[in-house]
C-alpha atoms as a PDB file:
ATOM      1  CA  MET A   1      -7.545 -40.546 -63.018  1.00  0.00           C
ATOM      2  CA  ARG A   2      -5.564 -41.380 -59.924  1.00  0.00           C
ATOM      3  CA  LEU A   3      -7.752 -39.085 -57.862  1.00  0.00           C
ATOM      4  CA  PHE A   4     -11.211 -40.080 -59.024  1.00  0.00           C
ATOM      5  CA  LEU A   5     -11.027 -43.740 -60.171  1.00  0.00           C
ATOM      6  CA  PRO A   6     -11.408 -46.417 -57.502  1.00  0.00           C
ATOM      7  CA  TYR A   7      -8.314 -48.333 -56.599  1.00  0.00           C
ATOM      8  CA  GLY A   8     -10.119 -50.569 -54.153  1.00  0.00           C
ATOM      9  CA  LYS A   9     -12.959 -50.999 -51.690  1.00  0.00           C
ATOM     10  CA  TRP A  10     -13.020 -51.263 -47.894  1.00  0.00           C
ATOM     11  CA  ILE A  11     -15.874 -53.000 -46.062  1.00  0.00           C
ATOM     12  CA  CYS A  12     -16.721 -51.651 -42.641  1.00  0.00           C
ATOM     13  CA  THR A  13     -18.056 -53.610 -39.651  1.00  0.00           C
ATOM     14  CA  GLU A  14     -21.689 -52.620 -40.150  1.00  0.00           C
ATOM     15  CA  GLY A  15     -21.536 -53.400 -43.889  1.00  0.00           C
ATOM     16  CA  THR A  16     -20.914 -50.022 -45.375  1.00  0.00           C
ATOM     17  CA  GLU A  17     -18.597 -50.145 -48.397  1.00  0.00           C
ATOM     18  CA  VAL A  18     -16.028 -47.338 -49.100  1.00  0.00           C
ATOM     19  CA  LEU A  19     -14.282 -46.856 -52.416  1.00  0.00           C
ATOM     20  CA  PHE A  20     -10.810 -45.337 -52.206  1.00  0.00           C
ATOM     21  CA  ASN A  21      -8.413 -43.961 -54.851  1.00  0.00           C
ATOM     22  CA  ARG A  22      -4.770 -44.905 -55.503  1.00  0.00           C
ATOM     23  CA  ASP A  23      -3.684 -42.552 -52.682  1.00  0.00           C
ATOM     24  CA  TYR A  24      -5.905 -44.512 -50.302  1.00  0.00           C
ATOM     25  CA  SER A  25      -8.144 -41.462 -49.832  1.00  0.00           C
ATOM     26  CA  PRO A  26     -11.842 -42.414 -49.436  1.00  0.00           C
ATOM     27  CA  ILE A  27     -13.969 -41.050 -52.312  1.00  0.00           C
ATOM     28  CA  TRP A  28     -17.395 -42.680 -52.004  1.00  0.00           C
ATOM     29  CA  LEU A  29     -19.295 -44.656 -49.377  1.00  0.00           C
ATOM     30  CA  ARG A  30     -22.334 -46.940 -49.835  1.00  0.00           C
ATOM     31  CA  LYS A  31     -24.456 -47.732 -46.831  1.00  0.00           C
ATOM     32  CA  VAL A  32     -26.158 -51.050 -46.300  1.00  0.00           C
ATOM     33  CA  ASP A  33     -29.453 -49.464 -47.544  1.00  0.00           C
ATOM     34  CA  GLY A  34     -27.792 -48.634 -50.853  1.00  0.00           C
ATOM     35  CA  THR A  35     -27.450 -44.951 -50.291  1.00  0.00           C
ATOM     36  CA  VAL A  36     -24.161 -43.602 -51.861  1.00  0.00           C
ATOM     37  CA  ASN A  37     -22.478 -40.410 -50.592  1.00  0.00           C
ATOM     38  CA  SER A  38     -19.196 -38.694 -51.151  1.00  0.00           C
ATOM     39  CA  ILE A  39     -16.995 -38.742 -48.106  1.00  0.00           C
ATOM     40  CA  ASP A  40     -14.328 -36.322 -46.849  1.00  0.00           C
ATOM     41  CA  GLU A  41     -11.046 -37.438 -48.241  1.00  0.00           C
ATOM     42  CA  ASP A  42      -9.390 -36.938 -44.798  1.00  0.00           C
ATOM     43  CA  THR A  43     -11.549 -39.459 -43.070  1.00  0.00           C
ATOM     44  CA  TRP A  44      -9.891 -42.504 -41.523  1.00  0.00           C
ATOM     45  CA  ILE A  45     -11.833 -45.606 -42.373  1.00  0.00           C
ATOM     46  CA  ASP A  46     -12.076 -48.374 -39.832  1.00  0.00           C
ATOM     47  CA  TYR A  47     -12.482 -51.389 -42.137  1.00  0.00           C
ATOM     48  CA  LEU A  48     -12.445 -55.178 -41.875  1.00  0.00           C
ATOM     49  CA  ASP A  49      -9.794 -57.447 -43.332  1.00  0.00           C
ATOM     50  CA  GLU A  50      -7.876 -56.678 -46.490  1.00  0.00           C
ATOM     51  CA  PRO A  51      -9.467 -54.388 -49.121  1.00  0.00           C
ATOM     52  CA  ASP A  52     -10.650 -55.514 -52.514  1.00  0.00           C
ATOM     53  CA  PHE A  53      -8.362 -54.042 -55.209  1.00  0.00           C
ATOM     54  CA  TYR A  54      -9.416 -53.303 -58.791  1.00  0.00           C
ATOM     55  CA  PHE A  55      -5.907 -53.134 -60.327  1.00  0.00           C
ATOM     56  CA  ALA A  56      -2.218 -53.345 -59.491  1.00  0.00           C
ATOM     57  CA  ASP A  57       0.767 -51.192 -60.308  1.00  0.00           C
ATOM     58  CA  ASN A  58       1.404 -53.094 -63.489  1.00  0.00           C
ATOM     59  CA  ASN A  59      -2.008 -52.468 -65.010  1.00  0.00           C
ATOM     60  CA  THR A  60      -3.013 -48.943 -63.956  1.00  0.00           C
ATOM     61  CA  PRO A  61      -5.781 -47.260 -65.962  1.00  0.00           C
ATOM     62  CA  TRP A  62      -3.650 -44.128 -66.486  1.00  0.00           C
ATOM     63  CA  SER A  63      -0.892 -46.178 -68.170  1.00  0.00           C
ATOM     64  CA  GLY A  64      -3.235 -47.108 -70.947  1.00  0.00           C
ATOM     65  CA  ASP A  65      -4.679 -50.364 -69.659  1.00  0.00           C
ATOM     66  CA  LYS A  66      -8.177 -50.197 -71.282  1.00  0.00           C
ATOM     67  CA  VAL A  67      -9.502 -53.266 -69.408  1.00  0.00           C
ATOM     68  CA  THR A  68      -8.666 -51.754 -66.037  1.00  0.00           C
ATOM     69  CA  PHE A  69     -10.022 -48.382 -67.051  1.00  0.00           C
ATOM     70  CA  ALA A  70     -13.299 -49.996 -68.104  1.00  0.00           C
ATOM     71  CA  LYS A  71     -13.440 -52.013 -64.875  1.00  0.00           C
ATOM     72  CA  CYS A  72     -13.022 -48.843 -62.739  1.00  0.00           C
ATOM     73  CA  LEU A  73     -15.703 -47.034 -64.765  1.00  0.00           C
ATOM     74  CA  ARG A  74     -17.976 -50.026 -64.323  1.00  0.00           C
ATOM     75  CA  VAL A  75     -17.549 -49.838 -60.593  1.00  0.00           C
ATOM     76  CA  LEU A  76     -18.522 -46.098 -60.662  1.00  0.00           C
ATOM     77  CA  LYS A  77     -21.478 -46.879 -62.743  1.00  0.00           C
ATOM     78  CA  GLU A  78     -22.581 -49.696 -60.385  1.00  0.00           C
ATOM     79  CA  TRP A  79     -22.398 -47.181 -57.525  1.00  0.00           C
ATOM     80  CA  ALA A  80     -24.308 -44.567 -59.732  1.00  0.00           C
ATOM     81  CA  VAL A  81     -21.587 -41.974 -59.296  1.00  0.00           C
ATOM     82  CA  GLU A  82     -19.975 -42.088 -62.726  1.00  0.00           C
ATOM     83  CA  ASN A  83     -21.228 -38.560 -63.532  1.00  0.00           C
ATOM     84  CA  LYS A  84     -20.899 -37.134 -60.000  1.00  0.00           C
ATOM     85  CA  SER A  85     -18.047 -35.186 -58.443  1.00  0.00           C
ATOM     86  CA  SER A  86     -16.653 -36.411 -55.083  1.00  0.00           C
ATOM     87  CA  ARG A  87     -15.496 -34.047 -52.332  1.00  0.00           C
ATOM     88  CA  LEU A  88     -11.931 -34.766 -53.340  1.00  0.00           C
ATOM     89  CA  MET A  89     -12.627 -33.665 -56.926  1.00  0.00           C
ATOM     90  CA  ASN A  90     -14.416 -30.592 -55.606  1.00  0.00           C
ATOM     91  CA  SER A  91     -11.258 -29.788 -53.583  1.00  0.00           C
ATOM     92  CA  LEU A  92      -9.166 -30.092 -56.701  1.00  0.00           C
ATOM     93  CA  THR A  93     -11.382 -27.614 -58.597  1.00  0.00           C
ATOM     94  CA  THR A  94     -11.152 -25.226 -55.606  1.00  0.00           C
ATOM     95  CA  ALA A  95      -7.377 -25.656 -55.458  1.00  0.00           C
ATOM     96  CA  ILE A  96      -6.955 -24.928 -59.137  1.00  0.00           C
ATOM     97  CA  GLU A  97      -9.285 -21.969 -59.059  1.00  0.00           C
ATOM     98  CA  SER A  98      -7.531 -20.418 -56.015  1.00  0.00           C
ATOM     99  CA  SER A  99      -4.028 -21.467 -57.104  1.00  0.00           C
ATOM    100  CA  ASN A 100      -3.636 -23.063 -53.639  1.00  0.00           C
ATOM    101  CA  THR A 101      -2.387 -26.620 -53.887  1.00  0.00           C
ATOM    102  CA  ASP A 102      -2.049 -26.813 -50.104  1.00  0.00           C
ATOM    103  CA  LEU A 103      -5.786 -27.608 -50.117  1.00  0.00           C
ATOM    104  CA  LEU A 104      -4.878 -31.018 -51.586  1.00  0.00           C
ATOM    105  CA  LYS A 105      -2.335 -31.947 -49.001  1.00  0.00           C
ATOM    106  CA  ARG A 106      -3.229 -34.879 -46.703  1.00  0.00           C
ATOM    107  CA  LYS A 107      -4.324 -33.689 -43.298  1.00  0.00           C
ATOM    108  CA  ASN A 108      -4.348 -35.376 -39.909  1.00  0.00           C
ATOM    109  CA  ARG A 109      -7.347 -37.742 -40.657  1.00  0.00           C
ATOM    110  CA  GLN A 110      -8.975 -36.956 -37.351  1.00  0.00           C
ATOM    111  CA  LYS A 111     -12.373 -37.797 -38.658  1.00  0.00           C
ATOM    112  CA  VAL A 112     -13.166 -41.556 -38.250  1.00  0.00           C
ATOM    113  CA  PHE A 113     -15.717 -43.632 -40.092  1.00  0.00           C
ATOM    114  CA  PRO A 114     -17.996 -45.394 -39.245  1.00  0.00           C
ATOM    115  CA  VAL A 115     -19.617 -42.745 -37.040  1.00  0.00           C
ATOM    116  CA  ALA A 116     -23.285 -42.032 -36.504  1.00  0.00           C
ATOM    117  CA  SER A 117     -23.127 -38.532 -38.098  1.00  0.00           C
ATOM    118  CA  ILE A 118     -22.578 -39.702 -41.736  1.00  0.00           C
END
C-alpha cells in the first residue's frame, strides 16, 4: 500500500498535479487538460507551496484505518487510475521477477518535472 496509494499531491506552476506515495516518489501526474499519466519515480517535482496530504502517520491505510484507505482509493478513482499500474509498481514486479531489489533503490533524481517532454 505504501508504494501505490497516494500520500499527497503536489501542484506545479503550470497547474499540473502530481500524486506521490509515502516515500515521496511521484506516481501519477494529471495535466491541466485532464490527461493522467504515470511518471518515473525518480523524477524531481518542482512544485508550489506545501503539498496536500491525504493522511498522517497516526492514520495510515496500512495500519487498518479504513477511512483513510477509502479516501486514498477515492483519489485514485477520481484520477481514473484505480485499476492501472504505475511505473513504480511495474518496477516492483520487475524487481521481484528478477530477484533484484536494487531496481527499487532511489536514484539521483536527475529528471525534473515540469519539462516539455512529458
